[in-house]
Amino acid sequence: MALRERKSPCETRAEYIEKMNNALEAGFSPDDFTQREFIEAVLLVMQSVCGPAEVAMVIRGAQIHQ
């Protein structure tokens, strides 16, 4: 079994962002992205996938680094 090359956290994050962005753009219109219900749905999906504590941690971190 070959070892996978480790990427920096920034490189890994950029890859995840690109994959998720592509998936969202393929399934939704630009108008969908501005709807409050869509934004709430994205947050709820994040909570169901990652857990509410992890989502809160990411939101807090993003607010600190603005």
PDB file of N, CA and C in Angstrom:
ATOM      1  N   MET A   1       0.848  -1.174   0.000  1.00  0.00           N
ATOM      2  CA  MET A   1       0.000   0.000   0.000  1.00  0.00           C
ATOM      3  C   MET A   1       0.892   1.236   0.000  1.00  0.00           C
ATOM      4  N   ALA A   2       0.736   2.090  -0.989  1.00  0.00           N
ATOM      5  CA  ALA A   2       1.547   3.298  -1.105  1.00  0.00           C
ATOM      6  C   ALA A   2       1.020   4.370  -0.160  1.00  0.00           C
ATOM      7  N   LEU A   3       1.945   5.111   0.403  1.00  0.00           N
ATOM      8  CA  LEU A   3       1.549   6.212   1.272  1.00  0.00           C
ATOM      9  C   LEU A   3       1.134   7.407   0.424  1.00  0.00           C
ATOM     10  N   ARG A   4       0.090   8.049   0.839  1.00  0.00           N
ATOM     11  CA  ARG A   4      -0.381   9.239   0.140  1.00  0.00           C
ATOM     12  C   ARG A   4       0.460  10.433   0.577  1.00  0.00           C
ATOM     13  N   GLU A   5       0.823  11.265  -0.385  1.00  0.00           N
ATOM     14  CA  GLU A   5       1.611  12.454  -0.067  1.00  0.00           C
ATOM     15  C   GLU A   5       0.770  13.407   0.771  1.00  0.00           C
ATOM     16  N   ARG A   6       1.347  13.874   1.865  1.00  0.00           N
ATOM     17  CA  ARG A   6       0.629  14.811   2.729  1.00  0.00           C
ATOM     18  C   ARG A   6       0.710  16.208   2.150  1.00  0.00           C
ATOM     19  N   LYS A   7      -0.407  16.859   2.122  1.00  0.00           N
ATOM     20  CA  LYS A   7      -0.473  18.228   1.634  1.00  0.00           C
ATOM     21  C   LYS A   7      -0.609  19.157   2.821  1.00  0.00           C
ATOM     22  N   SER A   8      -0.286  20.410   2.598  1.00  0.00           N
ATOM     23  CA  SER A   8      -0.441  21.396   3.657  1.00  0.00           C
ATOM     24  C   SER A   8      -1.933  21.591   3.932  1.00  0.00           C
ATOM     25  N   PRO A   9      -2.265  22.070   5.135  1.00  0.00           N
ATOM     26  CA  PRO A   9      -3.682  22.333   5.430  1.00  0.00           C
ATOM     27  C   PRO A   9      -4.311  23.302   4.435  1.00  0.00           C
ATOM     28  N   CYS A  10      -3.552  24.284   3.978  1.00  0.00           N
ATOM     29  CA  CYS A  10      -4.089  25.250   3.007  1.00  0.00           C
ATOM     30  C   CYS A  10      -4.399  24.577   1.676  1.00  0.00           C
ATOM     31  N   GLU A  11      -3.514  23.697   1.206  1.00  0.00           N
ATOM     32  CA  GLU A  11      -3.748  22.982  -0.045  1.00  0.00           C
ATOM     33  C   GLU A  11      -4.955  22.055   0.075  1.00  0.00           C
ATOM     34  N   THR A  12      -5.041  21.354   1.189  1.00  0.00           N
ATOM     35  CA  THR A  12      -6.163  20.446   1.415  1.00  0.00           C
ATOM     36  C   THR A  12      -7.469  21.220   1.472  1.00  0.00           C
ATOM     37  N   ARG A  13      -7.472  22.335   2.204  1.00  0.00           N
ATOM     38  CA  ARG A  13      -8.674  23.163   2.317  1.00  0.00           C
ATOM     39  C   ARG A  13      -9.094  23.681   0.942  1.00  0.00           C
ATOM     40  N   ALA A  14      -8.134  24.134   0.146  1.00  0.00           N
ATOM     41  CA  ALA A  14      -8.447  24.655  -1.186  1.00  0.00           C
ATOM     42  C   ALA A  14      -9.078  23.571  -2.063  1.00  0.00           C
ATOM     43  N   GLU A  15      -8.590  22.345  -1.963  1.00  0.00           N
ATOM     44  CA  GLU A  15      -9.174  21.243  -2.737  1.00  0.00           C
ATOM     45  C   GLU A  15     -10.611  20.965  -2.305  1.00  0.00           C
ATOM     46  N   TYR A  16     -10.853  20.940  -1.001  1.00  0.00           N
ATOM     47  CA  TYR A  16     -12.215  20.712  -0.507  1.00  0.00           C
ATOM     48  C   TYR A  16     -13.145  21.836  -0.966  1.00  0.00           C
ATOM     49  N   ILE A  17     -12.686  23.063  -0.879  1.00  0.00           N
ATOM     50  CA  ILE A  17     -13.500  24.202  -1.295  1.00  0.00           C
ATOM     51  C   ILE A  17     -13.853  24.081  -2.769  1.00  0.00           C
ATOM     52  N   GLU A  18     -12.874  23.748  -3.595  1.00  0.00           N
ATOM     53  CA  GLU A  18     -13.123  23.619  -5.025  1.00  0.00           C
ATOM     54  C   GLU A  18     -14.133  22.508  -5.321  1.00  0.00           C
ATOM     55  N   LYS A  19     -13.976  21.350  -4.673  1.00  0.00           N
ATOM     56  CA  LYS A  19     -14.902  20.235  -4.899  1.00  0.00           C
ATOM     57  C   LYS A  19     -16.323  20.584  -4.469  1.00  0.00           C
ATOM     58  N   MET A  20     -16.458  21.195  -3.281  1.00  0.00           N
ATOM     59  CA  MET A  20     -17.798  21.536  -2.802  1.00  0.00           C
ATOM     60  C   MET A  20     -18.415  22.643  -3.642  1.00  0.00           C
ATOM     61  N   ASN A  21     -17.605  23.618  -4.049  1.00  0.00           N
ATOM     62  CA  ASN A  21     -18.099  24.702  -4.887  1.00  0.00           C
ATOM     63  C   ASN A  21     -18.597  24.162  -6.223  1.00  0.00           C
ATOM     64  N   ASN A  22     -17.826  23.255  -6.822  1.00  0.00           N
ATOM     65  CA  ASN A  22     -18.238  22.653  -8.095  1.00  0.00           C
ATOM     66  C   ASN A  22     -19.544  21.884  -7.942  1.00  0.00           C
ATOM     67  N   ALA A  23     -19.677  21.131  -6.854  1.00  0.00           N
ATOM     68  CA  ALA A  23     -20.905  20.363  -6.617  1.00  0.00           C
ATOM     69  C   ALA A  23     -22.108  21.291  -6.442  1.00  0.00           C
ATOM     70  N   LEU A  24     -21.918  22.363  -5.686  1.00  0.00           N
ATOM     71  CA  LEU A  24     -23.031  23.302  -5.474  1.00  0.00           C
ATOM     72  C   LEU A  24     -23.401  24.027  -6.764  1.00  0.00           C
ATOM     73  N   GLU A  25     -22.403  24.468  -7.519  1.00  0.00           N
ATOM     74  CA  GLU A  25     -22.688  25.167  -8.771  1.00  0.00           C
ATOM     75  C   GLU A  25     -23.389  24.269  -9.788  1.00  0.00           C
ATOM     76  N   ALA A  26     -23.100  22.962  -9.742  1.00  0.00           N
ATOM     77  CA  ALA A  26     -23.730  22.020 -10.676  1.00  0.00           C
ATOM     78  C   ALA A  26     -25.205  21.799 -10.348  1.00  0.00           C
ATOM     79  N   GLY A  27     -25.566  21.974  -9.089  1.00  0.00           N
ATOM     80  CA  GLY A  27     -26.929  21.650  -8.680  1.00  0.00           C
ATOM     81  C   GLY A  27     -27.827  22.830  -8.382  1.00  0.00           C
ATOM     82  N   PHE A  28     -27.252  24.032  -8.323  1.00  0.00           N
ATOM     83  CA  PHE A  28     -28.046  25.198  -7.934  1.00  0.00           C
ATOM     84  C   PHE A  28     -27.724  26.387  -8.827  1.00  0.00           C
ATOM     85  N   SER A  29     -28.678  27.303  -8.930  1.00  0.00           N
ATOM     86  CA  SER A  29     -28.476  28.509  -9.737  1.00  0.00           C
ATOM     87  C   SER A  29     -27.822  29.591  -8.873  1.00  0.00           C
ATOM     88  N   PRO A  30     -27.219  30.588  -9.517  1.00  0.00           N
ATOM     89  CA  PRO A  30     -26.659  31.707  -8.744  1.00  0.00           C
ATOM     90  C   PRO A  30     -27.707  32.381  -7.858  1.00  0.00           C
ATOM     91  N   ASP A  31     -28.963  32.408  -8.325  1.00  0.00           N
ATOM     92  CA  ASP A  31     -30.034  32.996  -7.518  1.00  0.00           C
ATOM     93  C   ASP A  31     -30.279  32.201  -6.240  1.00  0.00           C
ATOM     94  N   ASP A  32     -30.136  30.874  -6.325  1.00  0.00           N
ATOM     95  CA  ASP A  32     -30.316  30.037  -5.128  1.00  0.00           C
ATOM     96  C   ASP A  32     -29.358  30.447  -4.013  1.00  0.00           C
ATOM     97  N   PHE A  33     -28.136  30.792  -4.395  1.00  0.00           N
ATOM     98  CA  PHE A  33     -27.105  31.111  -3.399  1.00  0.00           C
ATOM     99  C   PHE A  33     -27.444  32.330  -2.554  1.00  0.00           C
ATOM    100  N   THR A  34     -28.349  33.171  -3.041  1.00  0.00           N
ATOM    101  CA  THR A  34     -28.694  34.385  -2.299  1.00  0.00           C
ATOM    102  C   THR A  34     -29.928  34.214  -1.420  1.00  0.00           C
ATOM    103  N   GLN A  35     -30.573  33.075  -1.513  1.00  0.00           N
ATOM    104  CA  GLN A  35     -31.794  32.838  -0.745  1.00  0.00           C
ATOM    105  C   GLN A  35     -31.468  32.432   0.693  1.00  0.00           C
ATOM    106  N   ARG A  36     -32.144  33.040   1.633  1.00  0.00           N
ATOM    107  CA  ARG A  36     -31.912  32.734   3.046  1.00  0.00           C
ATOM    108  C   ARG A  36     -32.122  31.253   3.338  1.00  0.00           C
ATOM    109  N   GLU A  37     -33.139  30.663   2.730  1.00  0.00           N
ATOM    110  CA  GLU A  37     -33.421  29.245   2.956  1.00  0.00           C
ATOM    111  C   GLU A  37     -32.260  28.359   2.485  1.00  0.00           C
ATOM    112  N   PHE A  38     -31.641  28.757   1.382  1.00  0.00           N
ATOM    113  CA  PHE A  38     -30.491  27.993   0.884  1.00  0.00           C
ATOM    114  C   PHE A  38     -29.330  28.086   1.877  1.00  0.00           C
ATOM    115  N   ILE A  39     -29.060  29.278   2.349  1.00  0.00           N
ATOM    116  CA  ILE A  39     -27.955  29.482   3.301  1.00  0.00           C
ATOM    117  C   ILE A  39     -28.210  28.686   4.576  1.00  0.00           C
ATOM    118  N   GLU A  40     -29.441  28.726   5.072  1.00  0.00           N
ATOM    119  CA  GLU A  40     -29.790  27.942   6.260  1.00  0.00           C
ATOM    120  C   GLU A  40     -29.635  26.449   6.000  1.00  0.00           C
ATOM    121  N   ALA A  41     -30.046  26.004   4.805  1.00  0.00           N
ATOM    122  CA  ALA A  41     -29.933  24.586   4.460  1.00  0.00           C
ATOM    123  C   ALA A  41     -28.469  24.149   4.426  1.00  0.00           C
ATOM    124  N   VAL A  42     -27.604  24.990   3.887  1.00  0.00           N
ATOM    125  CA  VAL A  42     -26.168  24.665   3.848  1.00  0.00           C
ATOM    126  C   VAL A  42     -25.635  24.518   5.267  1.00  0.00           C
ATOM    127  N   LEU A  43     -26.011  25.421   6.147  1.00  0.00           N
ATOM    128  CA  LEU A  43     -25.559  25.343   7.539  1.00  0.00           C
ATOM    129  C   LEU A  43     -26.073  24.070   8.206  1.00  0.00           C
ATOM    130  N   LEU A  44     -27.329  23.715   7.963  1.00  0.00           N
ATOM    131  CA  LEU A  44     -27.887  22.494   8.560  1.00  0.00           C
ATOM    132  C   LEU A  44     -27.206  21.241   8.021  1.00  0.00           C
ATOM    133  N   VAL A  45     -26.875  21.240   6.737  1.00  0.00           N
ATOM    134  CA  VAL A  45     -26.153  20.096   6.172  1.00  0.00           C
ATOM    135  C   VAL A  45     -24.774  20.000   6.806  1.00  0.00           C
ATOM    136  N   MET A  46     -24.096  21.129   6.953  1.00  0.00           N
ATOM    137  CA  MET A  46     -22.779  21.117   7.603  1.00  0.00           C
ATOM    138  C   MET A  46     -22.877  20.540   9.011  1.00  0.00           C
ATOM    139  N   GLN A  47     -23.925  20.920   9.735  1.00  0.00           N
ATOM    140  CA  GLN A  47     -24.095  20.407  11.095  1.00  0.00           C
ATOM    141  C   GLN A  47     -24.360  18.908  11.098  1.00  0.00           C
ATOM    142  N   SER A  48     -25.132  18.430  10.139  1.00  0.00           N
ATOM    143  CA  SER A  48     -25.434  17.002  10.118  1.00  0.00           C
ATOM    144  C   SER A  48     -24.221  16.181   9.694  1.00  0.00           C
ATOM    145  N   VAL A  49     -23.362  16.742   8.855  1.00  0.00           N
ATOM    146  CA  VAL A  49     -22.182  16.022   8.386  1.00  0.00           C
ATOM    147  C   VAL A  49     -21.045  16.104   9.408  1.00  0.00           C
ATOM    148  N   CYS A  50     -20.790  17.306   9.915  1.00  0.00           N
ATOM    149  CA  CYS A  50     -19.616  17.536  10.770  1.00  0.00           C
ATOM    150  C   CYS A  50     -19.931  17.586  12.261  1.00  0.00           C
ATOM    151  N   GLY A  51     -21.151  17.934  12.585  1.00  0.00           N
ATOM    152  CA  GLY A  51     -21.532  18.119  13.980  1.00  0.00           C
ATOM    153  C   GLY A  51     -21.603  19.592  14.307  1.00  0.00           C
ATOM    154  N   PRO A  52     -22.533  19.975  15.173  1.00  0.00           N
ATOM    155  CA  PRO A  52     -22.731  21.396  15.484  1.00  0.00           C
ATOM    156  C   PRO A  52     -21.522  22.052  16.148  1.00  0.00           C
ATOM    157  N   ALA A  53     -20.805  21.323  16.986  1.00  0.00           N
ATOM    158  CA  ALA A  53     -19.648  21.921  17.662  1.00  0.00           C
ATOM    159  C   ALA A  53     -18.544  22.276  16.660  1.00  0.00           C
ATOM    160  N   GLU A  54     -18.322  21.407  15.682  1.00  0.00           N
ATOM    161  CA  GLU A  54     -17.293  21.668  14.678  1.00  0.00           C
ATOM    162  C   GLU A  54     -17.665  22.846  13.800  1.00  0.00           C
ATOM    163  N   VAL A  55     -18.950  22.951  13.433  1.00  0.00           N
ATOM    164  CA  VAL A  55     -19.402  24.077  12.617  1.00  0.00           C
ATOM    165  C   VAL A  55     -19.249  25.379  13.387  1.00  0.00           C
ATOM    166  N   ALA A  56     -19.625  25.373  14.649  1.00  0.00           N
ATOM    167  CA  ALA A  56     -19.473  26.572  15.474  1.00  0.00           C
ATOM    168  C   ALA A  56     -18.003  26.970  15.584  1.00  0.00           C
ATOM    169  N   MET A  57     -17.121  25.999  15.718  1.00  0.00           N
ATOM    170  CA  MET A  57     -15.685  26.280  15.820  1.00  0.00           C
ATOM    171  C   MET A  57     -15.189  26.947  14.534  1.00  0.00           C
ATOM    172  N   VAL A  58     -15.633  26.463  13.382  1.00  0.00           N
ATOM    173  CA  VAL A  58     -15.209  27.047  12.108  1.00  0.00           C
ATOM    174  C   VAL A  58     -15.744  28.469  11.970  1.00  0.00           C
ATOM    175  N   ILE A  59     -16.991  28.679  12.351  1.00  0.00           N
ATOM    176  CA  ILE A  59     -17.580  30.022  12.262  1.00  0.00           C
ATOM    177  C   ILE A  59     -16.831  30.983  13.172  1.00  0.00           C
ATOM    178  N   ARG A  60     -16.562  30.567  14.392  1.00  0.00           N
ATOM    179  CA  ARG A  60     -15.809  31.439  15.314  1.00  0.00           C
ATOM    180  C   ARG A  60     -14.430  31.758  14.754  1.00  0.00           C
ATOM    181  N   GLY A  61     -13.754  30.751  14.219  1.00  0.00           N
ATOM    182  CA  GLY A  61     -12.420  30.968  13.651  1.00  0.00           C
ATOM    183  C   GLY A  61     -12.462  31.918  12.474  1.00  0.00           C
ATOM    184  N   ALA A  62     -13.486  31.806  11.640  1.00  0.00           N
ATOM    185  CA  ALA A  62     -13.613  32.697  10.480  1.00  0.00           C
ATOM    186  C   ALA A  62     -13.879  34.141  10.923  1.00  0.00           C
ATOM    187  N   GLN A  63     -14.629  34.313  11.997  1.00  0.00           N
ATOM    188  CA  GLN A  63     -14.907  35.655  12.488  1.00  0.00           C
ATOM    189  C   GLN A  63     -13.656  36.300  13.074  1.00  0.00           C
ATOM    190  N   ILE A  64     -12.827  35.511  13.716  1.00  0.00           N
ATOM    191  CA  ILE A  64     -11.599  36.029  14.321  1.00  0.00           C
ATOM    192  C   ILE A  64     -10.623  36.475  13.249  1.00  0.00           C
ATOM    193  N   HIS A  65     -10.543  35.737  12.135  1.00  0.00           N
ATOM    194  CA  HIS A  65      -9.540  35.995  11.104  1.00  0.00           C
ATOM    195  C   HIS A  65     -10.000  36.978  10.040  1.00  0.00           C
ATOM    196  N   GLN A  66     -11.139  37.652  10.244  1.00  0.00           N
ATOM    197  CA  GLN A  66     -11.615  38.634   9.252  1.00  0.00           C
ATOM    198  C   GLN A  66     -10.878  39.930   9.389  1.00  0.00           C
TER     199      GLN A  66
END
